[in-house]
């Protein structure tokens, strides 16, 4: 029993450190719900994700890739939310954090696009 106390304490500390990471906290929220809340409050800004392999590179996930790029895409990129920078992603040799952020932003941005299309 005395051995379990330190082990339990270390587990709690590890979970606290994991939850304290702003990126993890952000990704733990529901992208669809967050986009819906933002839309209802009048915030129509999309999430822009940094592309760390390319200096100054950014991506606007969730937009259709076919056809000419609409002007709204460029405006979305210009005024978009940038909740994280490359430094926030840290050392990520397998790009796991980047991919998770990209998928989150894709769900969020697609939901905003859907809501905008159905708006009268």
PDB file of N, CA and C in Angstrom:
ATOM      1  N   UNK A   1       0.806  -1.205   0.000  1.00  0.00           N
ATOM      2  CA  UNK A   1       0.000   0.000   0.000  1.00  0.00           C
ATOM      3  C   UNK A   1       0.851   1.272   0.000  1.00  0.00           C
ATOM      4  N   UNK A   2       1.930   1.354   0.809  1.00  0.00           N
ATOM      5  CA  UNK A   2       2.732   2.579   0.806  1.00  0.00           C
ATOM      6  C   UNK A   2       3.331   2.880  -0.562  1.00  0.00           C
ATOM      7  N   UNK A   3       3.541   1.870  -1.396  1.00  0.00           N
ATOM      8  CA  UNK A   3       4.116   2.101  -2.724  1.00  0.00           C
ATOM      9  C   UNK A   3       3.097   2.726  -3.672  1.00  0.00           C
ATOM     10  N   UNK A   4       1.823   2.512  -3.412  1.00  0.00           N
ATOM     11  CA  UNK A   4       0.792   3.049  -4.292  1.00  0.00           C
ATOM     12  C   UNK A   4       0.634   4.556  -4.150  1.00  0.00           C
ATOM     13  N   UNK A   5       0.903   5.089  -2.974  1.00  0.00           N
ATOM     14  CA  UNK A   5       0.725   6.526  -2.757  1.00  0.00           C
ATOM     15  C   UNK A   5       1.638   7.338  -3.682  1.00  0.00           C
ATOM     16  N   UNK A   6       2.945   7.071  -3.723  1.00  0.00           N
ATOM     17  CA  UNK A   6       3.792   7.847  -4.651  1.00  0.00           C
ATOM     18  C   UNK A   6       3.407   7.633  -6.112  1.00  0.00           C
ATOM     19  N   UNK A   7       3.036   6.411  -6.456  1.00  0.00           N
ATOM     20  CA  UNK A   7       2.645   6.117  -7.827  1.00  0.00           C
ATOM     21  C   UNK A   7       1.387   6.893  -8.206  1.00  0.00           C
ATOM     22  N   UNK A   8       0.429   6.912  -7.318  1.00  0.00           N
ATOM     23  CA  UNK A   8      -0.800   7.666  -7.567  1.00  0.00           C
ATOM     24  C   UNK A   8      -0.495   9.149  -7.697  1.00  0.00           C
ATOM     25  N   UNK A   9       0.381   9.658  -6.833  1.00  0.00           N
ATOM     26  CA  UNK A   9       0.757  11.070  -6.901  1.00  0.00           C
ATOM     27  C   UNK A   9       1.406  11.428  -8.221  1.00  0.00           C
ATOM     28  N   UNK A  10       2.273  10.554  -8.719  1.00  0.00           N
ATOM     29  CA  UNK A  10       2.933  10.818  -9.999  1.00  0.00           C
ATOM     30  C   UNK A  10       1.921  10.801 -11.142  1.00  0.00           C
ATOM     31  N   UNK A  11       0.959   9.905 -11.077  1.00  0.00           N
ATOM     32  CA  UNK A  11      -0.071   9.850 -12.121  1.00  0.00           C
ATOM     33  C   UNK A  11      -0.893  11.138 -12.136  1.00  0.00           C
ATOM     34  N   UNK A  12      -1.260  11.625 -10.966  1.00  0.00           N
ATOM     35  CA  UNK A  12      -2.034  12.857 -10.876  1.00  0.00           C
ATOM     36  C   UNK A  12      -1.223  14.032 -11.410  1.00  0.00           C
ATOM     37  N   UNK A  13       0.056  14.096 -11.079  1.00  0.00           N
ATOM     38  CA  UNK A  13       0.909  15.170 -11.585  1.00  0.00           C
ATOM     39  C   UNK A  13       1.041  15.106 -13.103  1.00  0.00           C
ATOM     40  N   UNK A  14       1.175  13.924 -13.637  1.00  0.00           N
ATOM     41  CA  UNK A  14       1.297  13.767 -15.087  1.00  0.00           C
ATOM     42  C   UNK A  14       0.019  14.225 -15.780  1.00  0.00           C
ATOM     43  N   UNK A  15      -1.124  13.875 -15.249  1.00  0.00           N
ATOM     44  CA  UNK A  15      -2.389  14.295 -15.844  1.00  0.00           C
ATOM     45  C   UNK A  15      -2.575  15.804 -15.734  1.00  0.00           C
ATOM     46  N   UNK A  16      -2.151  16.380 -14.636  1.00  0.00           N
ATOM     47  CA  UNK A  16      -2.248  17.824 -14.462  1.00  0.00           C
ATOM     48  C   UNK A  16      -1.366  18.538 -15.477  1.00  0.00           C
ATOM     49  N   UNK A  17      -0.167  18.055 -15.675  1.00  0.00           N
ATOM     50  CA  UNK A  17       0.743  18.664 -16.652  1.00  0.00           C
ATOM     51  C   UNK A  17       0.169  18.552 -18.053  1.00  0.00           C
ATOM     52  N   UNK A  18      -0.437  17.418 -18.362  1.00  0.00           N
ATOM     53  CA  UNK A  18      -1.027  17.205 -19.680  1.00  0.00           C
ATOM     54  C   UNK A  18      -2.185  18.176 -19.898  1.00  0.00           C
ATOM     55  N   UNK A  19      -3.037  18.327 -18.883  1.00  0.00           N
ATOM     56  CA  UNK A  19      -4.195  19.203 -19.002  1.00  0.00           C
ATOM     57  C   UNK A  19      -3.794  20.676 -18.987  1.00  0.00           C
ATOM     58  N   UNK A  20      -2.641  20.995 -18.406  1.00  0.00           N
ATOM     59  CA  UNK A  20      -2.204  22.384 -18.318  1.00  0.00           C
ATOM     60  C   UNK A  20      -1.663  22.891 -19.650  1.00  0.00           C
ATOM     61  N   UNK A  21      -1.361  22.021 -20.582  1.00  0.00           N
ATOM     62  CA  UNK A  21      -0.867  22.415 -21.891  1.00  0.00           C
ATOM     63  C   UNK A  21      -1.997  23.124 -22.647  1.00  0.00           C
ATOM     64  N   UNK A  22      -1.816  24.394 -23.018  1.00  0.00           N
ATOM     65  CA  UNK A  22      -2.884  25.134 -23.700  1.00  0.00           C
ATOM     66  C   UNK A  22      -3.364  24.465 -24.994  1.00  0.00           C
ATOM     67  N   UNK A  23      -2.451  23.860 -25.745  1.00  0.00           N
ATOM     68  CA  UNK A  23      -2.852  23.187 -26.975  1.00  0.00           C
ATOM     69  C   UNK A  23      -3.763  22.007 -26.661  1.00  0.00           C
ATOM     70  N   UNK A  24      -3.395  21.214 -25.668  1.00  0.00           N
ATOM     71  CA  UNK A  24      -4.224  20.065 -25.296  1.00  0.00           C
ATOM     72  C   UNK A  24      -5.591  20.512 -24.792  1.00  0.00           C
ATOM     73  N   UNK A  25      -5.607  21.576 -24.004  1.00  0.00           N
ATOM     74  CA  UNK A  25      -6.879  22.100 -23.501  1.00  0.00           C
ATOM     75  C   UNK A  25      -7.756  22.567 -24.666  1.00  0.00           C
ATOM     76  N   UNK A  26      -7.150  23.233 -25.631  1.00  0.00           N
ATOM     77  CA  UNK A  26      -7.872  23.713 -26.811  1.00  0.00           C
ATOM     78  C   UNK A  26      -8.433  22.536 -27.612  1.00  0.00           C
ATOM     79  N   UNK A  27      -7.600  21.537 -27.849  1.00  0.00           N
ATOM     80  CA  UNK A  27      -8.011  20.392 -28.653  1.00  0.00           C
ATOM     81  C   UNK A  27      -9.019  19.495 -27.941  1.00  0.00           C
ATOM     82  N   UNK A  28      -9.144  19.636 -26.630  1.00  0.00           N
ATOM     83  CA  UNK A  28     -10.091  18.811 -25.887  1.00  0.00           C
ATOM     84  C   UNK A  28     -11.521  19.328 -26.014  1.00  0.00           C
ATOM     85  N   UNK A  29     -11.689  20.515 -26.588  1.00  0.00           N
ATOM     86  CA  UNK A  29     -13.035  21.051 -26.778  1.00  0.00           C
ATOM     87  C   UNK A  29     -13.620  20.513 -28.085  1.00  0.00           C
ATOM     88  N   UNK A  30     -14.920  20.643 -28.227  1.00  0.00           N
ATOM     89  CA  UNK A  30     -15.621  20.165 -29.411  1.00  0.00           C
ATOM     90  C   UNK A  30     -15.588  21.261 -30.478  1.00  0.00           C
ATOM     91  N   UNK A  31     -14.916  21.010 -31.579  1.00  0.00           N
ATOM     92  CA  UNK A  31     -14.745  22.004 -32.637  1.00  0.00           C
ATOM     93  C   UNK A  31     -16.087  22.439 -33.230  1.00  0.00           C
ATOM     94  N   UNK A  32     -17.002  21.495 -33.404  1.00  0.00           N
ATOM     95  CA  UNK A  32     -18.312  21.805 -34.001  1.00  0.00           C
ATOM     96  C   UNK A  32     -19.095  22.736 -33.079  1.00  0.00           C
ATOM     97  N   UNK A  33     -19.110  22.410 -31.792  1.00  0.00           N
ATOM     98  CA  UNK A  33     -19.826  23.250 -30.825  1.00  0.00           C
ATOM     99  C   UNK A  33     -19.195  24.634 -30.728  1.00  0.00           C
ATOM    100  N   UNK A  34     -17.880  24.694 -30.697  1.00  0.00           N
ATOM    101  CA  UNK A  34     -17.188  25.985 -30.610  1.00  0.00           C
ATOM    102  C   UNK A  34     -17.485  26.850 -31.839  1.00  0.00           C
ATOM    103  N   UNK A  35     -17.493  26.248 -33.008  1.00  0.00           N
ATOM    104  CA  UNK A  35     -17.795  26.996 -34.231  1.00  0.00           C
ATOM    105  C   UNK A  35     -19.234  27.499 -34.222  1.00  0.00           C
ATOM    106  N   UNK A  36     -20.150  26.675 -33.759  1.00  0.00           N
ATOM    107  CA  UNK A  36     -21.553  27.064 -33.682  1.00  0.00           C
ATOM    108  C   UNK A  36     -21.732  28.218 -32.699  1.00  0.00           C
ATOM    109  N   UNK A  37     -21.072  28.132 -31.555  1.00  0.00           N
ATOM    110  CA  UNK A  37     -21.141  29.215 -30.570  1.00  0.00           C
ATOM    111  C   UNK A  37     -20.562  30.508 -31.140  1.00  0.00           C
ATOM    112  N   UNK A  38     -19.438  30.391 -31.813  1.00  0.00           N
ATOM    113  CA  UNK A  38     -18.804  31.575 -32.400  1.00  0.00           C
ATOM    114  C   UNK A  38     -19.725  32.208 -33.440  1.00  0.00           C
ATOM    115  N   UNK A  39     -20.313  31.382 -34.284  1.00  0.00           N
ATOM    116  CA  UNK A  39     -21.205  31.872 -35.334  1.00  0.00           C
ATOM    117  C   UNK A  39     -22.394  32.603 -34.730  1.00  0.00           C
ATOM    118  N   UNK A  40     -22.992  32.004 -33.710  1.00  0.00           N
ATOM    119  CA  UNK A  40     -24.160  32.616 -33.055  1.00  0.00           C
ATOM    120  C   UNK A  40     -23.814  33.936 -32.386  1.00  0.00           C
ATOM    121  N   UNK A  41     -22.565  34.072 -31.937  1.00  0.00           N
ATOM    122  CA  UNK A  41     -22.152  35.318 -31.286  1.00  0.00           C
ATOM    123  C   UNK A  41     -21.663  36.353 -32.296  1.00  0.00           C
ATOM    124  N   UNK A  42     -21.663  35.992 -33.577  1.00  0.00           N
ATOM    125  CA  UNK A  42     -21.260  36.928 -34.623  1.00  0.00           C
ATOM    126  C   UNK A  42     -19.799  36.839 -35.034  1.00  0.00           C
ATOM    127  N   UNK A  43     -19.064  35.900 -34.463  1.00  0.00           N
ATOM    128  CA  UNK A  43     -17.646  35.732 -34.801  1.00  0.00           C
ATOM    129  C   UNK A  43     -17.531  34.777 -35.981  1.00  0.00           C
ATOM    130  N   UNK A  44     -17.167  35.311 -37.124  1.00  0.00           N
ATOM    131  CA  UNK A  44     -17.085  34.510 -38.351  1.00  0.00           C
ATOM    132  C   UNK A  44     -15.641  34.272 -38.770  1.00  0.00           C
ATOM    133  N   UNK A  45     -14.715  34.374 -37.837  1.00  0.00           N
ATOM    134  CA  UNK A  45     -13.305  34.166 -38.166  1.00  0.00           C
ATOM    135  C   UNK A  45     -12.972  32.679 -38.160  1.00  0.00           C
ATOM    136  N   UNK A  46     -12.219  32.263 -39.156  1.00  0.00           N
ATOM    137  CA  UNK A  46     -11.783  30.880 -39.281  1.00  0.00           C
ATOM    138  C   UNK A  46     -10.488  30.675 -38.512  1.00  0.00           C
ATOM    139  N   UNK A  47     -10.170  29.423 -38.223  1.00  0.00           N
ATOM    140  CA  UNK A  47      -8.912  29.105 -37.553  1.00  0.00           C
ATOM    141  C   UNK A  47      -7.831  28.918 -38.609  1.00  0.00           C
ATOM    142  N   UNK A  48      -6.752  29.659 -38.448  1.00  0.00           N
ATOM    143  CA  UNK A  48      -5.588  29.575 -39.334  1.00  0.00           C
ATOM    144  C   UNK A  48      -4.507  28.802 -38.585  1.00  0.00           C
ATOM    145  N   UNK A  49      -3.901  27.837 -39.265  1.00  0.00           N
ATOM    146  CA  UNK A  49      -2.898  26.969 -38.647  1.00  0.00           C
ATOM    147  C   UNK A  49      -1.523  27.279 -39.234  1.00  0.00           C
ATOM    148  N   UNK A  50      -0.516  27.428 -38.369  1.00  0.00           N
ATOM    149  CA  UNK A  50       0.831  27.682 -38.890  1.00  0.00           C
ATOM    150  C   UNK A  50       1.416  26.429 -39.540  1.00  0.00           C
ATOM    151  N   UNK A  51       2.102  26.614 -40.638  1.00  0.00           N
ATOM    152  CA  UNK A  51       2.806  25.513 -41.297  1.00  0.00           C
ATOM    153  C   UNK A  51       4.280  25.720 -40.993  1.00  0.00           C
ATOM    154  N   UNK A  52       4.766  24.980 -40.011  1.00  0.00           N
ATOM    155  CA  UNK A  52       6.102  25.227 -39.461  1.00  0.00           C
ATOM    156  C   UNK A  52       7.231  24.770 -40.373  1.00  0.00           C
ATOM    157  N   UNK A  53       6.939  23.920 -41.329  1.00  0.00           N
ATOM    158  CA  UNK A  53       7.978  23.453 -42.247  1.00  0.00           C
ATOM    159  C   UNK A  53       8.286  24.485 -43.326  1.00  0.00           C
ATOM    160  N   UNK A  54       7.460  25.515 -43.405  1.00  0.00           N
ATOM    161  CA  UNK A  54       7.638  26.562 -44.401  1.00  0.00           C
ATOM    162  C   UNK A  54       7.628  27.916 -43.684  1.00  0.00           C
ATOM    163  N   UNK A  55       8.718  28.675 -43.738  1.00  0.00           N
ATOM    164  CA  UNK A  55       8.758  29.956 -43.024  1.00  0.00           C
ATOM    165  C   UNK A  55       7.598  30.866 -43.422  1.00  0.00           C
ATOM    166  N   UNK A  56       6.834  31.279 -42.425  1.00  0.00           N
ATOM    167  CA  UNK A  56       5.694  32.155 -42.678  1.00  0.00           C
ATOM    168  C   UNK A  56       4.496  31.458 -43.281  1.00  0.00           C
ATOM    169  N   UNK A  57       4.579  30.137 -43.422  1.00  0.00           N
ATOM    170  CA  UNK A  57       3.487  29.401 -44.039  1.00  0.00           C
ATOM    171  C   UNK A  57       2.280  29.272 -43.124  1.00  0.00           C
ATOM    172  N   UNK A  58       1.097  29.334 -43.705  1.00  0.00           N
ATOM    173  CA  UNK A  58      -0.142  29.174 -42.966  1.00  0.00           C
ATOM    174  C   UNK A  58      -1.129  28.382 -43.810  1.00  0.00           C
ATOM    175  N   UNK A  59      -2.046  27.717 -43.120  1.00  0.00           N
ATOM    176  CA  UNK A  59      -3.081  26.941 -43.801  1.00  0.00           C
ATOM    177  C   UNK A  59      -4.439  27.348 -43.256  1.00  0.00           C
ATOM    178  N   UNK A  60      -5.435  27.292 -44.110  1.00  0.00           N
ATOM    179  CA  UNK A  60      -6.811  27.555 -43.727  1.00  0.00           C
ATOM    180  C   UNK A  60      -7.603  26.285 -44.031  1.00  0.00           C
ATOM    181  N   UNK A  61      -7.537  25.299 -43.124  1.00  0.00           N
ATOM    182  CA  UNK A  61      -8.158  23.998 -43.382  1.00  0.00           C
ATOM    183  C   UNK A  61      -9.678  24.082 -43.473  1.00  0.00           C
ATOM    184  N   UNK A  62     -10.242  23.160 -44.241  1.00  0.00           N
ATOM    185  CA  UNK A  62     -11.687  23.053 -44.324  1.00  0.00           C
ATOM    186  C   UNK A  62     -12.310  23.704 -45.533  1.00  0.00           C
ATOM    187  N   UNK A  63     -11.550  24.499 -46.239  1.00  0.00           N
ATOM    188  CA  UNK A  63     -12.082  25.151 -47.431  1.00  0.00           C
ATOM    189  C   UNK A  63     -12.015  24.186 -48.600  1.00  0.00           C
ATOM    190  N   UNK A  64     -12.989  24.233 -49.507  1.00  0.00           N
ATOM    191  CA  UNK A  64     -12.952  23.363 -50.688  1.00  0.00           C
ATOM    192  C   UNK A  64     -11.711  23.647 -51.523  1.00  0.00           C
ATOM    193  N   UNK A  65     -11.120  22.597 -52.068  1.00  0.00           N
ATOM    194  CA  UNK A  65      -9.893  22.749 -52.850  1.00  0.00           C
ATOM    195  C   UNK A  65     -10.148  22.884 -54.344  1.00  0.00           C
ATOM    196  N   UNK A  66     -11.359  22.540 -54.768  1.00  0.00           N
ATOM    197  CA  UNK A  66     -11.634  22.594 -56.203  1.00  0.00           C
ATOM    198  C   UNK A  66     -12.089  23.994 -56.609  1.00  0.00           C
ATOM    199  N   UNK A  67     -11.866  24.301 -57.861  1.00  0.00           N
ATOM    200  CA  UNK A  67     -12.291  25.587 -58.399  1.00  0.00           C
ATOM    201  C   UNK A  67     -11.344  26.714 -58.027  1.00  0.00           C
ATOM    202  N   UNK A  68     -11.642  27.906 -58.542  1.00  0.00           N
ATOM    203  CA  UNK A  68     -10.797  29.056 -58.228  1.00  0.00           C
ATOM    204  C   UNK A  68     -10.935  29.436 -56.749  1.00  0.00           C
ATOM    205  N   UNK A  69      -9.902  30.011 -56.218  1.00  0.00           N
ATOM    206  CA  UNK A  69      -9.923  30.421 -54.816  1.00  0.00           C
ATOM    207  C   UNK A  69     -10.810  31.651 -54.673  1.00  0.00           C
ATOM    208  N   UNK A  70     -11.862  31.558 -53.855  1.00  0.00           N
ATOM    209  CA  UNK A  70     -12.769  32.701 -53.708  1.00  0.00           C
ATOM    210  C   UNK A  70     -12.128  33.813 -52.872  1.00  0.00           C
ATOM    211  N   UNK A  71     -12.548  35.059 -53.091  1.00  0.00           N
ATOM    212  CA  UNK A  71     -12.006  36.173 -52.299  1.00  0.00           C
ATOM    213  C   UNK A  71     -12.240  35.980 -50.796  1.00  0.00           C
ATOM    214  N   UNK A  72     -13.321  35.295 -50.424  1.00  0.00           N
ATOM    215  CA  UNK A  72     -13.609  35.066 -49.001  1.00  0.00           C
ATOM    216  C   UNK A  72     -12.503  34.243 -48.337  1.00  0.00           C
ATOM    217  N   UNK A  73     -11.847  33.382 -49.115  1.00  0.00           N
ATOM    218  CA  UNK A  73     -10.743  32.601 -48.574  1.00  0.00           C
ATOM    219  C   UNK A  73      -9.617  33.531 -48.125  1.00  0.00           C
ATOM    220  N   UNK A  74      -9.255  34.471 -48.979  1.00  0.00           N
ATOM    221  CA  UNK A  74      -8.159  35.387 -48.668  1.00  0.00           C
ATOM    222  C   UNK A  74      -8.518  36.286 -47.490  1.00  0.00           C
ATOM    223  N   UNK A  75      -9.784  36.704 -47.434  1.00  0.00           N
ATOM    224  CA  UNK A  75     -10.226  37.511 -46.297  1.00  0.00           C
ATOM    225  C   UNK A  75     -10.187  36.673 -45.020  1.00  0.00           C
ATOM    226  N   UNK A  76     -10.634  35.403 -45.110  1.00  0.00           N
ATOM    227  CA  UNK A  76     -10.593  34.509 -43.964  1.00  0.00           C
ATOM    228  C   UNK A  76      -9.180  34.292 -43.457  1.00  0.00           C
ATOM    229  N   UNK A  77      -8.251  34.183 -44.369  1.00  0.00           N
ATOM    230  CA  UNK A  77      -6.841  34.015 -44.006  1.00  0.00           C
ATOM    231  C   UNK A  77      -6.299  35.289 -43.349  1.00  0.00           C
ATOM    232  N   UNK A  78      -6.724  36.424 -43.863  1.00  0.00           N
ATOM    233  CA  UNK A  78      -6.243  37.710 -43.342  1.00  0.00           C
ATOM    234  C   UNK A  78      -6.729  37.987 -41.920  1.00  0.00           C
ATOM    235  N   UNK A  79      -8.016  37.746 -41.661  1.00  0.00           N
ATOM    236  CA  UNK A  79      -8.576  38.108 -40.351  1.00  0.00           C
ATOM    237  C   UNK A  79      -8.752  36.909 -39.422  1.00  0.00           C
ATOM    238  N   UNK A  80      -8.276  35.753 -39.842  1.00  0.00           N
ATOM    239  CA  UNK A  80      -8.498  34.515 -39.095  1.00  0.00           C
ATOM    240  C   UNK A  80      -7.918  34.493 -37.695  1.00  0.00           C
ATOM    241  N   UNK A  81      -8.445  33.566 -36.907  1.00  0.00           N
ATOM    242  CA  UNK A  81      -7.931  33.308 -35.563  1.00  0.00           C
ATOM    243  C   UNK A  81      -6.637  32.534 -35.676  1.00  0.00           C
ATOM    244  N   UNK A  82      -5.665  32.934 -34.918  1.00  0.00           N
ATOM    245  CA  UNK A  82      -4.377  32.240 -34.884  1.00  0.00           C
ATOM    246  C   UNK A  82      -4.073  31.894 -33.433  1.00  0.00           C
ATOM    247  N   UNK A  83      -4.757  30.858 -32.923  1.00  0.00           N
ATOM    248  CA  UNK A  83      -4.603  30.545 -31.504  1.00  0.00           C
ATOM    249  C   UNK A  83      -3.228  29.995 -31.136  1.00  0.00           C
ATOM    250  N   UNK A  84      -2.490  29.476 -32.114  1.00  0.00           N
ATOM    251  CA  UNK A  84      -1.187  28.877 -31.821  1.00  0.00           C
ATOM    252  C   UNK A  84      -0.175  29.226 -32.899  1.00  0.00           C
ATOM    253  N   UNK A  85       1.081  29.340 -32.453  1.00  0.00           N
ATOM    254  CA  UNK A  85       2.207  29.584 -33.353  1.00  0.00           C
ATOM    255  C   UNK A  85       3.084  28.331 -33.361  1.00  0.00           C
ATOM    256  N   UNK A  86       4.073  28.311 -34.214  1.00  0.00           N
ATOM    257  CA  UNK A  86       4.968  27.151 -34.297  1.00  0.00           C
ATOM    258  C   UNK A  86       5.624  26.846 -32.952  1.00  0.00           C
ATOM    259  N   UNK A  87       5.983  27.887 -32.210  1.00  0.00           N
ATOM    260  CA  UNK A  87       6.602  27.680 -30.892  1.00  0.00           C
ATOM    261  C   UNK A  87       5.673  26.908 -29.952  1.00  0.00           C
ATOM    262  N   UNK A  88       4.367  27.114 -30.094  1.00  0.00           N
ATOM    263  CA  UNK A  88       3.400  26.419 -29.238  1.00  0.00           C
ATOM    264  C   UNK A  88       3.337  24.921 -29.547  1.00  0.00           C
ATOM    265  N   UNK A  89       3.679  24.563 -30.766  1.00  0.00           N
ATOM    266  CA  UNK A  89       3.644  23.148 -31.154  1.00  0.00           C
ATOM    267  C   UNK A  89       4.883  22.420 -30.666  1.00  0.00           C
ATOM    268  N   UNK A  90       5.931  23.165 -30.348  1.00  0.00           N
ATOM    269  CA  UNK A  90       7.150  22.575 -29.799  1.00  0.00           C
ATOM    270  C   UNK A  90       7.823  21.612 -30.761  1.00  0.00           C
ATOM    271  N   UNK A  91       8.757  20.854 -30.207  1.00  0.00           N
ATOM    272  CA  UNK A  91       9.442  19.829 -31.000  1.00  0.00           C
ATOM    273  C   UNK A  91       8.436  18.732 -31.299  1.00  0.00           C
ATOM    274  N   UNK A  92       8.140  18.550 -32.536  1.00  0.00           N
ATOM    275  CA  UNK A  92       7.110  17.590 -32.941  1.00  0.00           C
ATOM    276  C   UNK A  92       7.576  16.890 -34.215  1.00  0.00           C
ATOM    277  N   UNK A  93       8.609  16.035 -34.095  1.00  0.00           N
ATOM    278  CA  UNK A  93       9.209  15.452 -35.301  1.00  0.00           C
ATOM    279  C   UNK A  93       8.226  14.659 -36.167  1.00  0.00           C
ATOM    280  N   UNK A  94       7.209  14.078 -35.572  1.00  0.00           N
ATOM    281  CA  UNK A  94       6.236  13.302 -36.357  1.00  0.00           C
ATOM    282  C   UNK A  94       5.004  14.124 -36.713  1.00  0.00           C
ATOM    283  N   UNK A  95       5.011  15.397 -36.348  1.00  0.00           N
ATOM    284  CA  UNK A  95       3.934  16.335 -36.666  1.00  0.00           C
ATOM    285  C   UNK A  95       2.588  15.912 -36.081  1.00  0.00           C
ATOM    286  N   UNK A  96       2.589  15.199 -34.977  1.00  0.00           N
ATOM    287  CA  UNK A  96       1.340  14.724 -34.371  1.00  0.00           C
ATOM    288  C   UNK A  96       0.489  15.893 -33.871  1.00  0.00           C
ATOM    289  N   UNK A  97       1.113  16.839 -33.189  1.00  0.00           N
ATOM    290  CA  UNK A  97       0.357  17.986 -32.680  1.00  0.00           C
ATOM    291  C   UNK A  97      -0.173  18.827 -33.840  1.00  0.00           C
ATOM    292  N   UNK A  98       0.675  19.026 -34.838  1.00  0.00           N
ATOM    293  CA  UNK A  98       0.254  19.796 -36.014  1.00  0.00           C
ATOM    294  C   UNK A  98      -0.953  19.145 -36.677  1.00  0.00           C
ATOM    295  N   UNK A  99      -0.907  17.837 -36.849  1.00  0.00           N
ATOM    296  CA  UNK A  99      -2.014  17.127 -37.507  1.00  0.00           C
ATOM    297  C   UNK A  99      -3.296  17.208 -36.683  1.00  0.00           C
ATOM    298  N   UNK A 100      -3.176  17.109 -35.370  1.00  0.00           N
ATOM    299  CA  UNK A 100      -4.362  17.220 -34.514  1.00  0.00           C
ATOM    300  C   UNK A 100      -4.960  18.621 -34.604  1.00  0.00           C
ATOM    301  N   UNK A 101      -4.104  19.636 -34.594  1.00  0.00           N
ATOM    302  CA  UNK A 101      -4.582  21.011 -34.717  1.00  0.00           C
ATOM    303  C   UNK A 101      -5.205  21.242 -36.096  1.00  0.00           C
ATOM    304  N   UNK A 102      -4.607  20.680 -37.114  1.00  0.00           N
ATOM    305  CA  UNK A 102      -5.126  20.804 -38.473  1.00  0.00           C
ATOM    306  C   UNK A 102      -6.517  20.176 -38.582  1.00  0.00           C
ATOM    307  N   UNK A 103      -6.695  18.985 -38.017  1.00  0.00           N
ATOM    308  CA  UNK A 103      -8.004  18.313 -38.057  1.00  0.00           C
ATOM    309  C   UNK A 103      -9.057  19.100 -37.273  1.00  0.00           C
ATOM    310  N   UNK A 104      -8.660  19.629 -36.129  1.00  0.00           N
ATOM    311  CA  UNK A 104      -9.581  20.436 -35.322  1.00  0.00           C
ATOM    312  C   UNK A 104     -10.030  21.660 -36.126  1.00  0.00           C
ATOM    313  N   UNK A 105      -9.065  22.366 -36.700  1.00  0.00           N
ATOM    314  CA  UNK A 105      -9.369  23.571 -37.474  1.00  0.00           C
ATOM    315  C   UNK A 105     -10.235  23.233 -38.682  1.00  0.00           C
ATOM    316  N   UNK A 106      -9.988  22.090 -39.290  1.00  0.00           N
ATOM    317  CA  UNK A 106     -10.799  21.685 -40.436  1.00  0.00           C
ATOM    318  C   UNK A 106     -12.257  21.499 -40.033  1.00  0.00           C
ATOM    319  N   UNK A 107     -12.505  20.824 -38.922  1.00  0.00           N
ATOM    320  CA  UNK A 107     -13.879  20.629 -38.449  1.00  0.00           C
ATOM    321  C   UNK A 107     -14.524  21.971 -38.096  1.00  0.00           C
ATOM    322  N   UNK A 108     -13.780  22.822 -37.418  1.00  0.00           N
ATOM    323  CA  UNK A 108     -14.280  24.135 -37.007  1.00  0.00           C
ATOM    324  C   UNK A 108     -14.639  24.980 -38.240  1.00  0.00           C
ATOM    325  N   UNK A 109     -13.698  25.080 -39.166  1.00  0.00           N
ATOM    326  CA  UNK A 109     -13.901  25.919 -40.345  1.00  0.00           C
ATOM    327  C   UNK A 109     -15.014  25.398 -41.241  1.00  0.00           C
ATOM    328  N   UNK A 110     -15.097  24.091 -41.396  1.00  0.00           N
ATOM    329  CA  UNK A 110     -16.185  23.526 -42.212  1.00  0.00           C
ATOM    330  C   UNK A 110     -17.544  23.835 -41.600  1.00  0.00           C
ATOM    331  N   UNK A 111     -17.617  23.764 -40.287  1.00  0.00           N
ATOM    332  CA  UNK A 111     -18.886  24.071 -39.615  1.00  0.00           C
ATOM    333  C   UNK A 111     -19.261  25.532 -39.853  1.00  0.00           C
ATOM    334  N   UNK A 112     -18.305  26.438 -39.761  1.00  0.00           N
ATOM    335  CA  UNK A 112     -18.594  27.848 -40.047  1.00  0.00           C
ATOM    336  C   UNK A 112     -19.079  28.021 -41.488  1.00  0.00           C
ATOM    337  N   UNK A 113     -18.431  27.356 -42.421  1.00  0.00           N
ATOM    338  CA  UNK A 113     -18.851  27.453 -43.827  1.00  0.00           C
ATOM    339  C   UNK A 113     -20.268  26.921 -44.009  1.00  0.00           C
ATOM    340  N   UNK A 114     -20.596  25.812 -43.346  1.00  0.00           N
ATOM    341  CA  UNK A 114     -21.954  25.260 -43.429  1.00  0.00           C
ATOM    342  C   UNK A 114     -22.987  26.252 -42.892  1.00  0.00           C
ATOM    343  N   UNK A 115     -22.680  26.821 -41.737  1.00  0.00           N
ATOM    344  CA  UNK A 115     -23.597  27.775 -41.133  1.00  0.00           C
ATOM    345  C   UNK A 115     -23.778  29.020 -41.997  1.00  0.00           C
ATOM    346  N   UNK A 116     -22.712  29.479 -42.622  1.00  0.00           N
ATOM    347  CA  UNK A 116     -22.800  30.651 -43.491  1.00  0.00           C
ATOM    348  C   UNK A 116     -23.658  30.366 -44.711  1.00  0.00           C
ATOM    349  N   UNK A 117     -23.573  29.149 -45.249  1.00  0.00           N
ATOM    350  CA  UNK A 117     -24.370  28.788 -46.423  1.00  0.00           C
ATOM    351  C   UNK A 117     -25.854  28.722 -46.101  1.00  0.00           C
ATOM    352  N   UNK A 118     -26.203  28.353 -44.881  1.00  0.00           N
ATOM    353  CA  UNK A 118     -27.621  28.210 -44.512  1.00  0.00           C
ATOM    354  C   UNK A 118     -28.208  29.499 -43.960  1.00  0.00           C
ATOM    355  N   UNK A 119     -27.372  30.506 -43.768  1.00  0.00           N
ATOM    356  CA  UNK A 119     -27.852  31.776 -43.230  1.00  0.00           C
ATOM    357  C   UNK A 119     -28.693  32.507 -44.282  1.00  0.00           C
ATOM    358  N   UNK A 120     -29.861  33.031 -43.868  1.00  0.00           N
ATOM    359  CA  UNK A 120     -30.709  33.746 -44.856  1.00  0.00           C
ATOM    360  C   UNK A 120     -30.119  35.054 -45.315  1.00  0.00           C
TER     361      UNK A 120
END
